[in-house]
């Protein structure tokens, strides 16, 4: 695995040996960032914080940093995966631009104050066919991890149903081999209601 574009283009992403990890292919990640980078309202993560839930290798968040995100918060339950993310970020000179949280992405509470959130973009890559994306999306919205009008990029199995929470609007959906990527926008009005 490598960083595809930006200031760290070509840098290898070292992947820890863990059975639970299913790294997103470079091809799929390239497709996701092509869509994000060519949206009608500009590059949504440029100079902004992002969050990478079910982070695994951290490839989404590290790619965003390479392409100009200001900060990346990585959340996962796997300690080995999080250590790998720390090492990869340090090797790229990004150690000061990340936070690594060992938490359950399906049980989010308010983010730690030291983490610059809410994020402009949230990447969610739960295990395929797990059904974990929906509670994570609900937590992002309910606890202020994603800003009003923020984007959520969800990777699920190609045939996996995704019951999109009402606070989100589906912007796009693409299938790449065994995976499907769904692009969601958080409605500003929904975010306001969650914090009343």
Foldseek 3Di string as FASTA:
>chain_A
DAQPDAPRHPHDQDADDDPQADDDDPVVLVVVQVPQQPDPVHNQQAQWEEEEECCRSVNNVVNSVRHHHQAYEYEEQDPVNLVSNCVSCVVVVNNVRYHYYNDHLLDDAADDPVDPDQTQEYEYEDAAPPLSPASNVVNCLLRGNHAAFHKYKYKYFPPHDDPHDPQWDWDDWDDDVGIIITIITGHNVSSVVSVD
